[in-house]
Protein backbone atom coordinates (compact mmCIF):
# COMPACT_ATOMS: atom_id res chain seq x y z
CA MET A 1 4.32 19.28 0.82
CA ALA A 2 2.30 22.49 0.66
CA ASP A 3 -1.50 22.34 0.89
CA THR A 4 -1.81 18.67 1.70
CA ILE A 5 -4.41 16.40 3.22
CA GLU A 6 -4.00 13.05 4.87
CA ALA A 7 -5.93 9.83 4.47
CA LYS A 8 -5.48 7.56 7.49
CA VAL A 9 -6.31 3.93 8.15
CA THR A 10 -5.67 1.99 11.35
CA HIS A 11 -5.95 -1.78 11.14
CA LYS A 12 -5.53 -4.55 13.73
CA SER A 13 -3.95 -7.61 12.18
CA PRO A 14 -3.57 -11.13 13.57
CA ALA A 15 -0.26 -11.39 11.70
CA ARG A 16 3.17 -10.64 13.15
CA ALA A 17 4.76 -7.27 12.37
CA ALA A 18 7.71 -8.79 10.47
CA ALA A 19 5.38 -10.83 8.24
CA ILE A 20 3.30 -7.75 7.43
CA TYR A 21 6.41 -5.71 6.68
CA ASP A 22 7.75 -8.40 4.34
CA ALA A 23 4.38 -8.76 2.58
CA TRP A 24 4.61 -5.09 1.53
CA LEU A 25 8.04 -5.54 -0.07
CA ASP A 26 8.04 -9.04 -1.60
CA PRO A 27 6.70 -8.95 -5.19
CA LYS A 28 5.26 -12.49 -4.99
CA GLN A 29 3.23 -11.62 -1.90
CA ILE A 30 2.26 -8.17 -3.23
CA ARG A 31 0.92 -9.75 -6.42
CA LEU A 32 -1.30 -12.09 -4.37
CA TRP A 33 -2.79 -9.56 -1.95
CA MET A 34 -3.06 -6.81 -4.54
CA THR A 35 -4.89 -9.15 -6.95
CA ALA A 36 -7.32 -10.08 -4.18
CA SER A 37 -7.83 -6.43 -3.23
CA LEU A 38 -8.56 -5.46 -6.85
CA LYS A 39 -11.11 -8.28 -7.12
CA GLN A 40 -12.69 -7.17 -3.83
CA SER A 41 -13.12 -3.74 -5.46
CA GLY A 42 -14.97 -5.29 -8.39
CA LEU A 43 -12.04 -5.17 -10.80
CA ALA A 44 -10.58 -8.08 -12.79
CA GLY A 45 -7.44 -8.25 -10.67
CA GLU A 46 -5.21 -8.96 -13.66
CA MET A 47 -1.73 -7.93 -12.53
CA LEU A 48 0.56 -7.14 -15.46
CA ALA A 49 3.68 -6.23 -13.50
CA CYS A 50 4.77 -6.29 -9.89
CA GLY A 51 8.34 -5.34 -9.17
CA THR A 52 10.20 -3.92 -6.19
CA ASP A 53 13.71 -2.87 -5.31
CA PRO A 54 13.21 -2.72 -1.52
CA VAL A 55 16.10 -0.48 -0.54
CA VAL A 56 16.00 3.20 0.38
CA GLY A 57 15.88 5.01 -2.96
CA GLY A 58 14.79 1.83 -4.74
CA ALA A 59 11.75 1.88 -7.01
CA PHE A 60 8.61 -0.20 -7.30
CA LEU A 61 6.05 -0.62 -10.08
CA PHE A 62 2.66 -2.29 -9.94
CA THR A 63 0.41 -2.41 -12.99
CA ASP A 64 -2.96 -4.01 -13.57
CA ARG A 65 -5.55 -4.01 -16.33
CA ARG A 66 -8.74 -1.99 -15.76
CA ASP A 67 -11.37 -1.76 -18.47
CA GLY A 68 -8.80 -2.71 -21.09
CA GLN A 69 -6.37 -0.02 -19.93
CA GLU A 70 -3.14 -0.35 -17.98
CA ALA A 71 -3.28 1.24 -14.50
CA ARG A 72 0.22 2.03 -13.21
CA HIS A 73 1.29 2.69 -9.62
CA TRP A 74 4.90 3.45 -8.90
CA GLY A 75 7.23 5.25 -6.57
CA HIS A 76 10.40 5.07 -4.50
CA TYR A 77 11.12 3.79 -1.03
CA ARG A 78 12.12 6.66 1.27
CA HIS A 79 12.48 4.88 4.62
CA LEU A 80 12.68 1.18 5.49
CA ASP A 81 12.95 0.05 9.12
CA ARG A 82 12.07 -3.63 9.44
CA PRO A 83 9.59 -4.48 10.92
CA ARG A 84 8.32 -1.07 12.06
CA ARG A 85 8.09 1.43 9.22
CA ILE A 86 7.89 1.72 5.44
CA VAL A 87 7.71 5.11 3.72
CA PHE A 88 7.31 5.45 -0.04
CA THR A 89 6.16 7.88 -2.68
CA TRP A 90 2.98 6.96 -4.55
CA ILE A 91 2.43 7.99 -8.16
CA THR A 92 -0.52 7.02 -10.34
CA SER A 93 0.07 9.10 -13.48
CA ASP A 94 2.79 11.03 -15.26
CA ALA A 95 0.81 14.20 -14.49
CA VAL A 96 1.64 13.93 -10.78
CA ALA A 97 5.09 12.34 -11.08
CA ASN A 98 6.82 15.57 -10.08
CA ASP A 99 4.62 16.01 -7.00
CA PRO A 100 4.01 12.50 -5.66
CA SER A 101 2.01 11.68 -2.60
CA LYS A 102 3.69 9.98 0.35
CA VAL A 103 2.57 6.81 2.11
CA THR A 104 3.79 5.82 5.56
CA LEU A 105 3.08 2.44 7.16
CA ILE A 106 3.72 2.16 10.87
CA ILE A 107 3.59 -1.41 12.15
CA GLU A 108 3.49 -1.89 15.92
CA PRO A 109 2.91 -4.89 18.16
CA ASP A 110 -0.74 -5.18 19.20
CA PRO A 111 -0.86 -4.49 22.96
CA ASP A 112 -4.01 -6.66 23.17
CA GLY A 113 -2.78 -9.74 21.35
CA PRO A 114 -0.15 -11.56 19.36
CA GLY A 115 -0.63 -9.60 16.12
CA ALA A 116 0.11 -6.06 15.07
CA VAL A 117 -1.54 -2.69 14.58
CA VAL A 118 -0.86 -1.08 11.23
CA THR A 119 -1.45 2.63 10.77
CA LEU A 120 -1.22 3.87 7.21
CA TYR A 121 -0.97 7.57 6.38
CA HIS A 122 -1.34 8.77 2.79
CA GLU A 123 -0.31 12.40 2.45
CA MET A 124 -1.48 13.96 -0.83
CA LEU A 125 -2.19 17.32 -2.38
CA ALA A 126 -5.29 19.02 -0.99
CA LYS A 127 -6.85 19.07 -4.46
CA TRP A 128 -7.40 15.31 -4.06
CA ASP A 129 -9.59 15.74 -0.95
CA GLU A 130 -12.67 14.44 -2.77
CA HIS A 131 -10.82 11.12 -3.15
CA ARG A 132 -9.83 10.77 0.51
CA GLU A 133 -12.65 8.38 1.45
CA ARG A 134 -12.05 6.16 -1.57
CA THR A 135 -8.30 6.22 -0.86
CA GLU A 136 -8.88 5.09 2.73
CA ARG A 137 -11.24 2.36 1.58
CA SER A 138 -8.67 1.07 -0.95
CA TRP A 139 -5.83 1.00 1.57
CA ARG A 140 -8.10 -0.71 4.13
CA GLN A 141 -8.94 -3.41 1.58
CA MET A 142 -5.25 -3.93 0.87
CA LEU A 143 -4.46 -4.29 4.57
CA GLU A 144 -7.31 -6.80 4.93
CA GLN A 145 -6.02 -8.83 1.99
CA VAL A 146 -2.53 -8.88 3.49
CA ASP A 147 -4.18 -10.49 6.54
CA VAL A 148 -5.94 -13.07 4.37
CA LEU A 149 -2.65 -13.93 2.69
CA LEU A 150 -0.70 -14.20 5.94
CA THR A 151 -3.29 -16.13 7.96
CA ARG A 152 -4.55 -18.66 5.45
CA PRO A 153 -3.79 -22.30 6.25
């Protein structure tokens, strides 16, 4: 990608790497943590669709309702290496569908405990630099909600 920037989030999780990996690919789990993350952001959290085809080249689609409008997020899986790495394209509108951003999750055992360390990189066009902080905050909230889902009794 030419003229790109990178949003980066590092998160220590009490959950095991395999559980985190699976939570990012299983539509039932995604619906739960994504709904919670949307609500944490002050949105209704009404998921309209949540579908994945978790194979390299497979697509995903997540949609929710925001202010009466449908917000769509979709892309394709580029690399899947359970439980260490997930790479996917990230598209939020038809206007950027031909030049999607790329998200990479690296999931490693936590050297200080039984959980994992997740590092998420979101590579996007430089013109989106003003959204970097908000992007990092959103991904951080999602990672936190994955923890809530995976560690609740």
